[in-house]
Amino acid sequence: VDAILNQFTERCSEKKIRLCVGGRLPADCFVEPFDLCTIFYNIL
């Protein structure tokens, strides 16, 4: 999630979009990495 969020931070900065992120999500959560990538990449 950190990788995807920081990728979109740079993309949003180029388009002058203010991106605010809060909360935490540990590395050993029960969601598979592929599903995390699918969810966060597409909604962002």
PDB file of all heavy atoms in Angstrom:
ATOM      1  N   VAL A   1       0.832  -1.202   0.000  1.00  0.00           N
ATOM      2  CA  VAL A   1       0.000   0.000   0.000  1.00  0.00           C
ATOM      3  C   VAL A   1       0.870   1.258   0.000  1.00  0.00           C
ATOM      4  O   VAL A   1       0.553   2.239  -0.687  1.00  0.00           O
ATOM      5  CB  VAL A   1      -0.951  -0.006   1.211  1.00  0.00           C
ATOM      6  CG1 VAL A   1      -1.811   1.254   1.234  1.00  0.00           C
ATOM      7  CG2 VAL A   1      -1.846  -1.249   1.170  1.00  0.00           C
ATOM      8  N   ASP A   2       1.972   1.221   0.741  1.00  0.00           N
ATOM      9  CA  ASP A   2       2.869   2.380   0.760  1.00  0.00           C
ATOM     10  C   ASP A   2       3.396   2.703  -0.633  1.00  0.00           C
ATOM     11  O   ASP A   2       3.477   3.872  -1.039  1.00  0.00           O
ATOM     12  CB  ASP A   2       4.045   2.127   1.708  1.00  0.00           C
ATOM     13  CG  ASP A   2       3.634   2.163   3.169  1.00  0.00           C
ATOM     14  OD1 ASP A   2       2.553   2.714   3.456  1.00  0.00           O
ATOM     15  OD2 ASP A   2       4.387   1.647   4.012  1.00  0.00           O
ATOM     16  N   ALA A   3       3.773   1.654  -1.370  1.00  0.00           N
ATOM     17  CA  ALA A   3       4.296   1.860  -2.722  1.00  0.00           C
ATOM     18  C   ALA A   3       3.261   2.513  -3.622  1.00  0.00           C
ATOM     19  O   ALA A   3       3.561   3.448  -4.383  1.00  0.00           O
ATOM     20  CB  ALA A   3       4.748   0.524  -3.320  1.00  0.00           C
ATOM     21  N   ILE A   4       2.022   2.036  -3.551  1.00  0.00           N
ATOM     22  CA  ILE A   4       0.964   2.579  -4.405  1.00  0.00           C
ATOM     23  C   ILE A   4       0.613   4.005  -3.980  1.00  0.00           C
ATOM     24  O   ILE A   4       0.453   4.898  -4.822  1.00  0.00           O
ATOM     25  CB  ILE A   4      -0.283   1.674  -4.352  1.00  0.00           C
ATOM     26  CG1 ILE A   4       0.057   0.300  -4.933  1.00  0.00           C
ATOM     27  CG2 ILE A   4      -1.447   2.295  -5.117  1.00  0.00           C
ATOM     28  CD1 ILE A   4      -1.027  -0.721  -4.769  1.00  0.00           C
ATOM     29  N   LEU A   5       0.505   4.239  -2.677  1.00  0.00           N
ATOM     30  CA  LEU A   5       0.161   5.576  -2.192  1.00  0.00           C
ATOM     31  C   LEU A   5       1.208   6.611  -2.599  1.00  0.00           C
ATOM     32  O   LEU A   5       0.876   7.721  -3.026  1.00  0.00           O
ATOM     33  CB  LEU A   5       0.014   5.559  -0.672  1.00  0.00           C
ATOM     34  CG  LEU A   5      -1.223   4.847  -0.110  1.00  0.00           C
ATOM     35  CD1 LEU A   5      -1.147   4.765   1.405  1.00  0.00           C
ATOM     36  CD2 LEU A   5      -2.501   5.558  -0.541  1.00  0.00           C
ATOM     37  N   ASN A   6       2.481   6.258  -2.488  1.00  0.00           N
ATOM     38  CA  ASN A   6       3.529   7.202  -2.848  1.00  0.00           C
ATOM     39  C   ASN A   6       3.626   7.405  -4.351  1.00  0.00           C
ATOM     40  O   ASN A   6       3.995   8.493  -4.806  1.00  0.00           O
ATOM     41  CB  ASN A   6       4.870   6.733  -2.277  1.00  0.00           C
ATOM     42  CG  ASN A   6       4.989   7.013  -0.797  1.00  0.00           C
ATOM     43  OD1 ASN A   6       5.285   8.114  -0.376  1.00  0.00           O
ATOM     44  ND2 ASN A   6       4.733   5.992   0.025  1.00  0.00           N
ATOM     45  N   GLN A   7       3.281   6.378  -5.119  1.00  0.00           N
ATOM     46  CA  GLN A   7       3.229   6.566  -6.574  1.00  0.00           C
ATOM     47  C   GLN A   7       2.160   7.591  -6.940  1.00  0.00           C
ATOM     48  O   GLN A   7       2.394   8.504  -7.737  1.00  0.00           O
ATOM     49  CB  GLN A   7       2.933   5.235  -7.273  1.00  0.00           C
ATOM     50  CG  GLN A   7       2.844   5.377  -8.791  1.00  0.00           C
ATOM     51  CD  GLN A   7       2.284   4.130  -9.456  1.00  0.00           C
ATOM     52  OE1 GLN A   7       1.654   3.291  -8.811  1.00  0.00           O
ATOM     53  NE2 GLN A   7       2.502   4.000 -10.746  1.00  0.00           N
ATOM     54  N   PHE A   8       0.994   7.473  -6.309  1.00  0.00           N
ATOM     55  CA  PHE A   8      -0.087   8.410  -6.612  1.00  0.00           C
ATOM     56  C   PHE A   8       0.154   9.778  -5.967  1.00  0.00           C
ATOM     57  O   PHE A   8      -0.399  10.772  -6.432  1.00  0.00           O
ATOM     58  CB  PHE A   8      -1.430   7.833  -6.170  1.00  0.00           C
ATOM     59  CG  PHE A   8      -2.020   6.885  -7.168  1.00  0.00           C
ATOM     60  CD1 PHE A   8      -1.804   5.528  -7.080  1.00  0.00           C
ATOM     61  CD2 PHE A   8      -2.773   7.363  -8.238  1.00  0.00           C
ATOM     62  CE1 PHE A   8      -2.332   4.646  -8.015  1.00  0.00           C
ATOM     63  CE2 PHE A   8      -3.309   6.495  -9.182  1.00  0.00           C
ATOM     64  CZ  PHE A   8      -3.078   5.137  -9.067  1.00  0.00           C
ATOM     65  N   THR A   9       0.963   9.825  -4.909  1.00  0.00           N
ATOM     66  CA  THR A   9       1.325  11.121  -4.338  1.00  0.00           C
ATOM     67  C   THR A   9       2.058  11.964  -5.368  1.00  0.00           C
ATOM     68  O   THR A   9       1.776  13.168  -5.543  1.00  0.00           O
ATOM     69  CB  THR A   9       2.205  10.924  -3.098  1.00  0.00           C
ATOM     70  OG1 THR A   9       1.463  10.218  -2.101  1.00  0.00           O
ATOM     71  CG2 THR A   9       2.634  12.269  -2.525  1.00  0.00           C
ATOM     72  N   GLU A  10       3.006  11.347  -6.064  1.00  0.00           N
ATOM     73  CA  GLU A  10       3.744  12.068  -7.097  1.00  0.00           C
ATOM     74  C   GLU A  10       2.843  12.420  -8.279  1.00  0.00           C
ATOM     75  O   GLU A  10       2.916  13.530  -8.830  1.00  0.00           O
ATOM     76  CB  GLU A  10       4.930  11.232  -7.561  1.00  0.00           C
ATOM     77  CG  GLU A  10       5.977  10.994  -6.481  1.00  0.00           C
ATOM     78  CD  GLU A  10       7.201  10.289  -7.012  1.00  0.00           C
ATOM     79  OE1 GLU A  10       7.277  10.099  -8.239  1.00  0.00           O
ATOM     80  OE2 GLU A  10       8.079   9.932  -6.209  1.00  0.00           O
ATOM     81  N   ARG A  11       1.991  11.489  -8.689  1.00  0.00           N
ATOM     82  CA  ARG A  11       1.088  11.752  -9.810  1.00  0.00           C
ATOM     83  C   ARG A  11       0.119  12.880  -9.472  1.00  0.00           C
ATOM     84  O   ARG A  11      -0.162  13.744 -10.311  1.00  0.00           O
ATOM     85  CB  ARG A  11       0.333  10.473 -10.178  1.00  0.00           C
ATOM     86  CG  ARG A  11       1.217   9.407 -10.789  1.00  0.00           C
ATOM     87  CD  ARG A  11       0.527   8.075 -10.970  1.00  0.00           C
ATOM     88  NE  ARG A  11      -0.701   8.155 -11.732  1.00  0.00           N
ATOM     89  CZ  ARG A  11      -1.320   7.104 -12.254  1.00  0.00           C
ATOM     90  NH1 ARG A  11      -0.804   5.889 -12.077  1.00  0.00           N
ATOM     91  NH2 ARG A  11      -2.428   7.234 -12.931  1.00  0.00           N
ATOM     92  N   CYS A  12      -0.411  12.851  -8.260  1.00  0.00           N
ATOM     93  CA  CYS A  12      -1.349  13.902  -7.856  1.00  0.00           C
ATOM     94  C   CYS A  12      -0.641  15.249  -7.726  1.00  0.00           C
ATOM     95  O   CYS A  12      -1.220  16.300  -8.026  1.00  0.00           O
ATOM     96  CB  CYS A  12      -2.019  13.530  -6.531  1.00  0.00           C
ATOM     97  SG  CYS A  12      -3.192  12.163  -6.660  1.00  0.00           S
ATOM     98  N   SER A  13       0.609  15.219  -7.258  1.00  0.00           N
ATOM     99  CA  SER A  13       1.365  16.468  -7.128  1.00  0.00           C
ATOM    100  C   SER A  13       1.552  17.132  -8.487  1.00  0.00           C
ATOM    101  O   SER A  13       1.464  18.358  -8.607  1.00  0.00           O
ATOM    102  CB  SER A  13       2.721  16.185  -6.482  1.00  0.00           C
ATOM    103  OG  SER A  13       3.488  17.372  -6.385  1.00  0.00           O
ATOM    104  N   GLU A  14       1.797  16.324  -9.524  1.00  0.00           N
ATOM    105  CA  GLU A  14       1.963  16.873 -10.873  1.00  0.00           C
ATOM    106  C   GLU A  14       0.670  17.525 -11.375  1.00  0.00           C
ATOM    107  O   GLU A  14       0.715  18.500 -12.120  1.00  0.00           O
ATOM    108  CB  GLU A  14       2.396  15.766 -11.832  1.00  0.00           C
ATOM    109  CG  GLU A  14       3.787  15.218 -11.541  1.00  0.00           C
ATOM    110  CD  GLU A  14       4.115  14.041 -12.431  1.00  0.00           C
ATOM    111  OE1 GLU A  14       3.239  13.635 -13.239  1.00  0.00           O
ATOM    112  OE2 GLU A  14       5.248  13.507 -12.322  1.00  0.00           O
ATOM    113  N   LYS A  15      -0.480  16.979 -10.961  1.00  0.00           N
ATOM    114  CA  LYS A  15      -1.765  17.521 -11.389  1.00  0.00           C
ATOM    115  C   LYS A  15      -2.346  18.515 -10.381  1.00  0.00           C
ATOM    116  O   LYS A  15      -3.498  18.926 -10.525  1.00  0.00           O
ATOM    117  CB  LYS A  15      -2.763  16.370 -11.604  1.00  0.00           C
ATOM    118  CG  LYS A  15      -2.390  15.420 -12.717  1.00  0.00           C
ATOM    119  CD  LYS A  15      -3.460  14.357 -12.909  1.00  0.00           C
ATOM    120  CE  LYS A  15      -3.107  13.415 -14.058  1.00  0.00           C
ATOM    121  NZ  LYS A  15      -4.148  12.376 -14.279  1.00  0.00           N
ATOM    122  N   LYS A  16      -1.542  18.868  -9.362  1.00  0.00           N
ATOM    123  CA  LYS A  16      -1.970  19.809  -8.326  1.00  0.00           C
ATOM    124  C   LYS A  16      -3.222  19.318  -7.602  1.00  0.00           C
ATOM    125  O   LYS A  16      -4.163  20.069  -7.332  1.00  0.00           O
ATOM    126  CB  LYS A  16      -2.203  21.196  -8.921  1.00  0.00           C
ATOM    127  CG  LYS A  16      -0.946  21.810  -9.536  1.00  0.00           C
ATOM    128  CD  LYS A  16      -1.202  23.194 -10.074  1.00  0.00           C
ATOM    129  CE  LYS A  16       0.081  23.790 -10.663  1.00  0.00           C
ATOM    130  NZ  LYS A  16      -0.137  25.142 -11.222  1.00  0.00           N
ATOM    131  N   ILE A  17      -3.212  18.016  -7.305  1.00  0.00           N
ATOM    132  CA  ILE A  17      -4.297  17.401  -6.531  1.00  0.00           C
ATOM    133  C   ILE A  17      -3.786  17.172  -5.119  1.00  0.00           C
ATOM    134  O   ILE A  17      -2.707  16.604  -4.920  1.00  0.00           O
ATOM    135  CB  ILE A  17      -4.744  16.064  -7.152  1.00  0.00           C
ATOM    136  CG1 ILE A  17      -5.241  16.267  -8.583  1.00  0.00           C
ATOM    137  CG2 ILE A  17      -5.831  15.408  -6.306  1.00  0.00           C
ATOM    138  CD1 ILE A  17      -5.547  14.971  -9.316  1.00  0.00           C
ATOM    139  N   ARG A  18      -4.539  17.595  -4.120  1.00  0.00           N
ATOM    140  CA  ARG A  18      -4.146  17.414  -2.729  1.00  0.00           C
ATOM    141  C   ARG A  18      -4.591  16.029  -2.252  1.00  0.00           C
ATOM    142  O   ARG A  18      -5.784  15.736  -2.190  1.00  0.00           O
ATOM    143  CB  ARG A  18      -4.768  18.511  -1.855  1.00  0.00           C
ATOM    144  CG  ARG A  18      -4.153  19.885  -2.083  1.00  0.00           C
ATOM    145  CD  ARG A  18      -4.945  20.980  -1.413  1.00  0.00           C
ATOM    146  NE  ARG A  18      -6.230  21.199  -2.070  1.00  0.00           N
ATOM    147  CZ  ARG A  18      -6.383  21.929  -3.172  1.00  0.00           C
ATOM    148  NH1 ARG A  18      -5.335  22.502  -3.746  1.00  0.00           N
ATOM    149  NH2 ARG A  18      -7.576  22.080  -3.717  1.00  0.00           N
ATOM    150  N   LEU A  19      -3.619  15.197  -1.931  1.00  0.00           N
ATOM    151  CA  LEU A  19      -3.879  13.831  -1.470  1.00  0.00           C
ATOM    152  C   LEU A  19      -3.552  13.725   0.015  1.00  0.00           C
ATOM    153  O   LEU A  19      -2.422  13.976   0.436  1.00  0.00           O
ATOM    154  CB  LEU A  19      -3.038  12.827  -2.264  1.00  0.00           C
ATOM    155  CG  LEU A  19      -3.100  11.360  -1.809  1.00  0.00           C
ATOM    156  CD1 LEU A  19      -4.526  10.822  -1.888  1.00  0.00           C
ATOM    157  CD2 LEU A  19      -2.155  10.498  -2.640  1.00  0.00           C
ATOM    158  N   CYS A  20      -4.559  13.373   0.799  1.00  0.00           N
ATOM    159  CA  CYS A  20      -4.407  13.239   2.249  1.00  0.00           C
ATOM    160  C   CYS A  20      -4.705  11.788   2.637  1.00  0.00           C
ATOM    161  O   CYS A  20      -5.755  11.238   2.268  1.00  0.00           O
ATOM    162  CB  CYS A  20      -5.354  14.191   2.974  1.00  0.00           C
ATOM    163  SG  CYS A  20      -5.286  14.054   4.777  1.00  0.00           S
ATOM    164  N   VAL A  21      -3.769  11.164   3.365  1.00  0.00           N
ATOM    165  CA  VAL A  21      -3.911   9.765   3.759  1.00  0.00           C
ATOM    166  C   VAL A  21      -3.758   9.655   5.258  1.00  0.00           C
ATOM    167  O   VAL A  21      -2.841  10.244   5.858  1.00  0.00           O
ATOM    168  CB  VAL A  21      -2.863   8.872   3.056  1.00  0.00           C
ATOM    169  CG1 VAL A  21      -3.029   7.419   3.493  1.00  0.00           C
ATOM    170  CG2 VAL A  21      -2.986   8.989   1.548  1.00  0.00           C
ATOM    171  N   GLY A  22      -4.648   8.896   5.891  1.00  0.00           N
ATOM    172  CA  GLY A  22      -4.575   8.677   7.330  1.00  0.00           C
ATOM    173  C   GLY A  22      -4.872   7.240   7.682  1.00  0.00           C
ATOM    174  O   GLY A  22      -5.572   6.533   6.945  1.00  0.00           O
ATOM    175  N   GLY A  23      -4.318   6.791   8.812  1.00  0.00           N
ATOM    176  CA  GLY A  23      -4.574   5.430   9.266  1.00  0.00           C
ATOM    177  C   GLY A  23      -3.350   4.548   9.137  1.00  0.00           C
ATOM    178  O   GLY A  23      -2.271   4.989   8.728  1.00  0.00           O
ATOM    179  N   ARG A  24      -3.522   3.290   9.474  1.00  0.00           N
ATOM    180  CA  ARG A  24      -2.415   2.341   9.396  1.00  0.00           C
ATOM    181  C   ARG A  24      -2.925   1.001   8.880  1.00  0.00           C
ATOM    182  O   ARG A  24      -4.111   0.660   9.006  1.00  0.00           O
ATOM    183  CB  ARG A  24      -1.766   2.156  10.769  1.00  0.00           C
ATOM    184  CG  ARG A  24      -2.656   1.422  11.777  1.00  0.00           C
ATOM    185  CD  ARG A  24      -1.991   1.290  13.132  1.00  0.00           C
ATOM    186  NE  ARG A  24      -2.794   0.457  14.034  1.00  0.00           N
ATOM    187  CZ  ARG A  24      -2.641  -0.842  14.166  1.00  0.00           C
ATOM    188  NH1 ARG A  24      -1.724  -1.480  13.429  1.00  0.00           N
ATOM    189  NH2 ARG A  24      -3.399  -1.542  15.007  1.00  0.00           N
ATOM    190  N   LEU A  25      -1.996   0.238   8.325  1.00  0.00           N
ATOM    191  CA  LEU A  25      -2.313  -1.098   7.815  1.00  0.00           C
ATOM    192  C   LEU A  25      -1.043  -1.934   7.905  1.00  0.00           C
ATOM    193  O   LEU A  25      -0.100  -1.714   7.132  1.00  0.00           O
ATOM    194  CB  LEU A  25      -2.800  -1.029   6.360  1.00  0.00           C
ATOM    195  CG  LEU A  25      -3.296  -2.344   5.756  1.00  0.00           C
ATOM    196  CD1 LEU A  25      -4.536  -2.833   6.494  1.00  0.00           C
ATOM    197  CD2 LEU A  25      -3.605  -2.179   4.284  1.00  0.00           C
ATOM    198  N   PRO A  26      -0.966  -2.857   8.837  1.00  0.00           N
ATOM    199  CA  PRO A  26       0.278  -3.606   9.039  1.00  0.00           C
ATOM    200  C   PRO A  26       0.604  -4.522   7.870  1.00  0.00           C
ATOM    201  O   PRO A  26      -0.261  -4.895   7.078  1.00  0.00           O
ATOM    202  CB  PRO A  26      -0.011  -4.423  10.312  1.00  0.00           C
ATOM    203  CG  PRO A  26      -1.498  -4.518  10.370  1.00  0.00           C
ATOM    204  CD  PRO A  26      -2.022  -3.248   9.778  1.00  0.00           C
ATOM    205  N   ALA A  27       1.869  -4.880   7.778  1.00  0.00           N
ATOM    206  CA  ALA A  27       2.324  -5.721   6.669  1.00  0.00           C
ATOM    207  C   ALA A  27       1.757  -7.132   6.746  1.00  0.00           C
ATOM    208  O   ALA A  27       1.597  -7.803   5.727  1.00  0.00           O
ATOM    209  CB  ALA A  27       3.849  -5.769   6.655  1.00  0.00           C
ATOM    210  N   ASP A  28       1.436  -7.606   7.950  1.00  0.00           N
ATOM    211  CA  ASP A  28       0.957  -8.982   8.116  1.00  0.00           C
ATOM    212  C   ASP A  28      -0.560  -9.064   8.211  1.00  0.00           C
ATOM    213  O   ASP A  28      -1.105  -9.932   8.888  1.00  0.00           O
ATOM    214  CB  ASP A  28       1.580  -9.604   9.367  1.00  0.00           C
ATOM    215  CG  ASP A  28       1.243  -8.813  10.632  1.00  0.00           C
ATOM    216  OD1 ASP A  28       0.749  -7.677  10.499  1.00  0.00           O
ATOM    217  OD2 ASP A  28       1.479  -9.340  11.738  1.00  0.00           O
ATOM    218  N   CYS A  29      -1.271  -8.150   7.532  1.00  0.00           N
ATOM    219  CA  CYS A  29      -2.742  -8.201   7.558  1.00  0.00           C
ATOM    220  C   CYS A  29      -3.228  -9.397   6.745  1.00  0.00           C
ATOM    221  O   CYS A  29      -2.477 -10.004   5.982  1.00  0.00           O
ATOM    222  CB  CYS A  29      -3.335  -6.903   7.008  1.00  0.00           C
ATOM    223  SG  CYS A  29      -3.105  -6.664   5.243  1.00  0.00           S
ATOM    224  N   PHE A  30      -4.497  -9.738   6.896  1.00  0.00           N
ATOM    225  CA  PHE A  30      -5.044 -10.959   6.305  1.00  0.00           C
ATOM    226  C   PHE A  30      -5.358 -10.838   4.813  1.00  0.00           C
ATOM    227  O   PHE A  30      -5.751 -11.816   4.190  1.00  0.00           O
ATOM    228  CB  PHE A  30      -6.318 -11.392   7.040  1.00  0.00           C
ATOM    229  CG  PHE A  30      -7.384 -10.337   7.097  1.00  0.00           C
ATOM    230  CD1 PHE A  30      -8.263 -10.156   6.031  1.00  0.00           C
ATOM    231  CD2 PHE A  30      -7.519  -9.509   8.199  1.00  0.00           C
ATOM    232  CE1 PHE A  30      -9.247  -9.190   6.078  1.00  0.00           C
ATOM    233  CE2 PHE A  30      -8.506  -8.548   8.265  1.00  0.00           C
ATOM    234  CZ  PHE A  30      -9.370  -8.381   7.194  1.00  0.00           C
ATOM    235  N   VAL A  31      -5.204  -9.670   4.219  1.00  0.00           N
ATOM    236  CA  VAL A  31      -5.517  -9.465   2.798  1.00  0.00           C
ATOM    237  C   VAL A  31      -4.289  -9.752   1.955  1.00  0.00           C
ATOM    238  O   VAL A  31      -3.181  -9.299   2.264  1.00  0.00           O
ATOM    239  CB  VAL A  31      -6.008  -8.029   2.543  1.00  0.00           C
ATOM    240  CG1 VAL A  31      -6.383  -7.847   1.083  1.00  0.00           C
ATOM    241  CG2 VAL A  31      -7.192  -7.708   3.444  1.00  0.00           C
ATOM    242  N   GLU A  32      -4.474 -10.499   0.859  1.00  0.00           N
ATOM    243  CA  GLU A  32      -3.369 -10.839  -0.028  1.00  0.00           C
ATOM    244  C   GLU A  32      -2.832  -9.582  -0.719  1.00  0.00           C
ATOM    245  O   GLU A  32      -3.604  -8.667  -1.033  1.00  0.00           O
ATOM    246  CB  GLU A  32      -3.829 -11.842  -1.088  1.00  0.00           C
ATOM    247  CG  GLU A  32      -4.209 -13.211  -0.539  1.00  0.00           C
ATOM    248  CD  GLU A  32      -2.993 -13.944   0.017  1.00  0.00           C
ATOM    249  OE1 GLU A  32      -1.885 -13.718  -0.500  1.00  0.00           O
ATOM    250  OE2 GLU A  32      -3.170 -14.733   0.962  1.00  0.00           O
ATOM    251  N   PRO A  33      -1.520  -9.533  -0.980  1.00  0.00           N
ATOM    252  CA  PRO A  33      -0.935  -8.359  -1.654  1.00  0.00           C
ATOM    253  C   PRO A  33      -1.601  -8.028  -2.981  1.00  0.00           C
ATOM    254  O   PRO A  33      -1.787  -6.852  -3.310  1.00  0.00           O
ATOM    255  CB  PRO A  33       0.532  -8.764  -1.853  1.00  0.00           C
ATOM    256  CG  PRO A  33       0.797  -9.749  -0.756  1.00  0.00           C
ATOM    257  CD  PRO A  33      -0.483 -10.497  -0.576  1.00  0.00           C
ATOM    258  N   PHE A  34      -1.976  -9.068  -3.756  1.00  0.00           N
ATOM    259  CA  PHE A  34      -2.605  -8.800  -5.052  1.00  0.00           C
ATOM    260  C   PHE A  34      -3.923  -8.055  -4.868  1.00  0.00           C
ATOM    261  O   PHE A  34      -4.226  -7.114  -5.619  1.00  0.00           O
ATOM    262  CB  PHE A  34      -2.846 -10.102  -5.811  1.00  0.00           C
ATOM    263  CG  PHE A  34      -3.575  -9.897  -7.115  1.00  0.00           C
ATOM    264  CD1 PHE A  34      -2.891  -9.491  -8.242  1.00  0.00           C
ATOM    265  CD2 PHE A  34      -4.948 -10.078  -7.192  1.00  0.00           C
ATOM    266  CE1 PHE A  34      -3.563  -9.278  -9.433  1.00  0.00           C
ATOM    267  CE2 PHE A  34      -5.613  -9.863  -8.374  1.00  0.00           C
ATOM    268  CZ  PHE A  34      -4.914  -9.467  -9.498  1.00  0.00           C
ATOM    269  N   ASP A  35      -4.717  -8.456  -3.867  1.00  0.00           N
ATOM    270  CA  ASP A  35      -6.001  -7.792  -3.652  1.00  0.00           C
ATOM    271  C   ASP A  35      -5.803  -6.373  -3.121  1.00  0.00           C
ATOM    272  O   ASP A  35      -6.557  -5.463  -3.485  1.00  0.00           O
ATOM    273  CB  ASP A  35      -6.862  -8.615  -2.680  1.00  0.00           C
ATOM    274  CG  ASP A  35      -7.313  -9.933  -3.295  1.00  0.00           C
ATOM    275  OD1 ASP A  35      -7.849  -9.890  -4.417  1.00  0.00           O
ATOM    276  OD2 ASP A  35      -7.119 -10.980  -2.678  1.00  0.00           O
ATOM    277  N   LEU A  36      -4.791  -6.171  -2.268  1.00  0.00           N
ATOM    278  CA  LEU A  36      -4.490  -4.813  -1.816  1.00  0.00           C
ATOM    279  C   LEU A  36      -4.119  -3.921  -2.989  1.00  0.00           C
ATOM    280  O   LEU A  36      -4.556  -2.771  -3.086  1.00  0.00           O
ATOM    281  CB  LEU A  36      -3.342  -4.840  -0.805  1.00  0.00           C
ATOM    282  CG  LEU A  36      -3.650  -5.386   0.590  1.00  0.00           C
ATOM    283  CD1 LEU A  36      -2.370  -5.468   1.418  1.00  0.00           C
ATOM    284  CD2 LEU A  36      -4.680  -4.513   1.297  1.00  0.00           C
ATOM    285  N   CYS A  37      -3.304  -4.476  -3.888  1.00  0.00           N
ATOM    286  CA  CYS A  37      -2.909  -3.715  -5.078  1.00  0.00           C
ATOM    287  C   CYS A  37      -4.116  -3.399  -5.937  1.00  0.00           C
ATOM    288  O   CYS A  37      -4.292  -2.263  -6.404  1.00  0.00           O
ATOM    289  CB  CYS A  37      -1.879  -4.517  -5.875  1.00  0.00           C
ATOM    290  SG  CYS A  37      -1.302  -3.707  -7.379  1.00  0.00           S
ATOM    291  N   THR A  38      -4.979  -4.385  -6.158  1.00  0.00           N
ATOM    292  CA  THR A  38      -6.173  -4.177  -6.981  1.00  0.00           C
ATOM    293  C   THR A  38      -7.065  -3.089  -6.389  1.00  0.00           C
ATOM    294  O   THR A  38      -7.529  -2.191  -7.101  1.00  0.00           O
ATOM    295  CB  THR A  38      -6.973  -5.493  -7.090  1.00  0.00           C
ATOM    296  OG1 THR A  38      -6.153  -6.485  -7.710  1.00  0.00           O
ATOM    297  CG2 THR A  38      -8.229  -5.293  -7.932  1.00  0.00           C
ATOM    298  N   ILE A  39      -7.304  -3.155  -5.094  1.00  0.00           N
ATOM    299  CA  ILE A  39      -8.218  -2.209  -4.439  1.00  0.00           C
ATOM    300  C   ILE A  39      -7.651  -0.793  -4.450  1.00  0.00           C
ATOM    301  O   ILE A  39      -8.287   0.142  -4.941  1.00  0.00           O
ATOM    302  CB  ILE A  39      -8.517  -2.667  -3.007  1.00  0.00           C
ATOM    303  CG1 ILE A  39      -9.352  -3.963  -3.025  1.00  0.00           C
ATOM    304  CG2 ILE A  39      -9.262  -1.580  -2.230  1.00  0.00           C
ATOM    305  CD1 ILE A  39      -9.515  -4.615  -1.678  1.00  0.00           C
ATOM    306  N   PHE A  40      -6.435  -0.629  -3.922  1.00  0.00           N
ATOM    307  CA  PHE A  40      -5.890   0.724  -3.775  1.00  0.00           C
ATOM    308  C   PHE A  40      -5.532   1.341  -5.122  1.00  0.00           C
ATOM    309  O   PHE A  40      -5.751   2.536  -5.338  1.00  0.00           O
ATOM    310  CB  PHE A  40      -4.672   0.706  -2.851  1.00  0.00           C
ATOM    311  CG  PHE A  40      -5.029   0.700  -1.403  1.00  0.00           C
ATOM    312  CD1 PHE A  40      -5.156  -0.496  -0.712  1.00  0.00           C
ATOM    313  CD2 PHE A  40      -5.267   1.882  -0.724  1.00  0.00           C
ATOM    314  CE1 PHE A  40      -5.505  -0.515   0.624  1.00  0.00           C
ATOM    315  CE2 PHE A  40      -5.614   1.886   0.614  1.00  0.00           C
ATOM    316  CZ  PHE A  40      -5.736   0.684   1.295  1.00  0.00           C
ATOM    317  N   TYR A  41      -4.997   0.548  -6.028  1.00  0.00           N
ATOM    318  CA  TYR A  41      -4.613   1.112  -7.333  1.00  0.00           C
ATOM    319  C   TYR A  41      -5.840   1.623  -8.080  1.00  0.00           C
ATOM    320  O   TYR A  41      -5.836   2.732  -8.629  1.00  0.00           O
ATOM    321  CB  TYR A  41      -3.882   0.068  -8.178  1.00  0.00           C
ATOM    322  CG  TYR A  41      -3.416   0.615  -9.512  1.00  0.00           C
ATOM    323  CD1 TYR A  41      -2.200   1.269  -9.637  1.00  0.00           C
ATOM    324  CD2 TYR A  41      -4.207   0.489 -10.655  1.00  0.00           C
ATOM    325  CE1 TYR A  41      -1.780   1.793 -10.847  1.00  0.00           C
ATOM    326  CE2 TYR A  41      -3.796   1.002 -11.867  1.00  0.00           C
ATOM    327  CZ  TYR A  41      -2.578   1.650 -11.963  1.00  0.00           C
ATOM    328  OH  TYR A  41      -2.174   2.177 -13.158  1.00  0.00           O
ATOM    329  N   ASN A  42      -6.909   0.832  -8.093  1.00  0.00           N
ATOM    330  CA  ASN A  42      -8.085   1.210  -8.876  1.00  0.00           C
ATOM    331  C   ASN A  42      -8.861   2.362  -8.255  1.00  0.00           C
ATOM    332  O   ASN A  42      -9.314   3.262  -8.965  1.00  0.00           O
ATOM    333  CB  ASN A  42      -8.999  -0.007  -9.072  1.00  0.00           C
ATOM    334  CG  ASN A  42      -8.485  -0.943 -10.143  1.00  0.00           C
ATOM    335  OD1 ASN A  42      -8.404  -0.587 -11.312  1.00  0.00           O
ATOM    336  ND2 ASN A  42      -8.110  -2.150  -9.752  1.00  0.00           N
ATOM    337  N   ILE A  43      -9.019   2.371  -6.938  1.00  0.00           N
ATOM    338  CA  ILE A  43      -9.788   3.472  -6.334  1.00  0.00           C
ATOM    339  C   ILE A  43      -9.010   4.785  -6.432  1.00  0.00           C
ATOM    340  O   ILE A  43      -9.598   5.850  -6.637  1.00  0.00           O
ATOM    341  CB  ILE A  43     -10.193   3.167  -4.879  1.00  0.00           C
ATOM    342  CG1 ILE A  43      -8.974   3.042  -3.970  1.00  0.00           C
ATOM    343  CG2 ILE A  43     -11.051   1.920  -4.805  1.00  0.00           C
ATOM    344  CD1 ILE A  43      -9.337   2.858  -2.497  1.00  0.00           C
ATOM    345  N   LEU A  44      -7.679   4.720  -6.307  1.00  0.00           N
ATOM    346  CA  LEU A  44      -6.881   5.937  -6.429  1.00  0.00           C
ATOM    347  C   LEU A  44      -6.801   6.411  -7.871  1.00  0.00           C
ATOM    348  O   LEU A  44      -6.800   7.613  -8.140  1.00  0.00           O
ATOM    349  CB  LEU A  44      -5.479   5.704  -5.871  1.00  0.00           C
ATOM    350  CG  LEU A  44      -5.384   5.625  -4.344  1.00  0.00           C
ATOM    351  CD1 LEU A  44      -3.997   5.184  -3.911  1.00  0.00           C
ATOM    352  CD2 LEU A  44      -5.732   6.971  -3.709  1.00  0.00           C
TER     353      LEU A  44
END
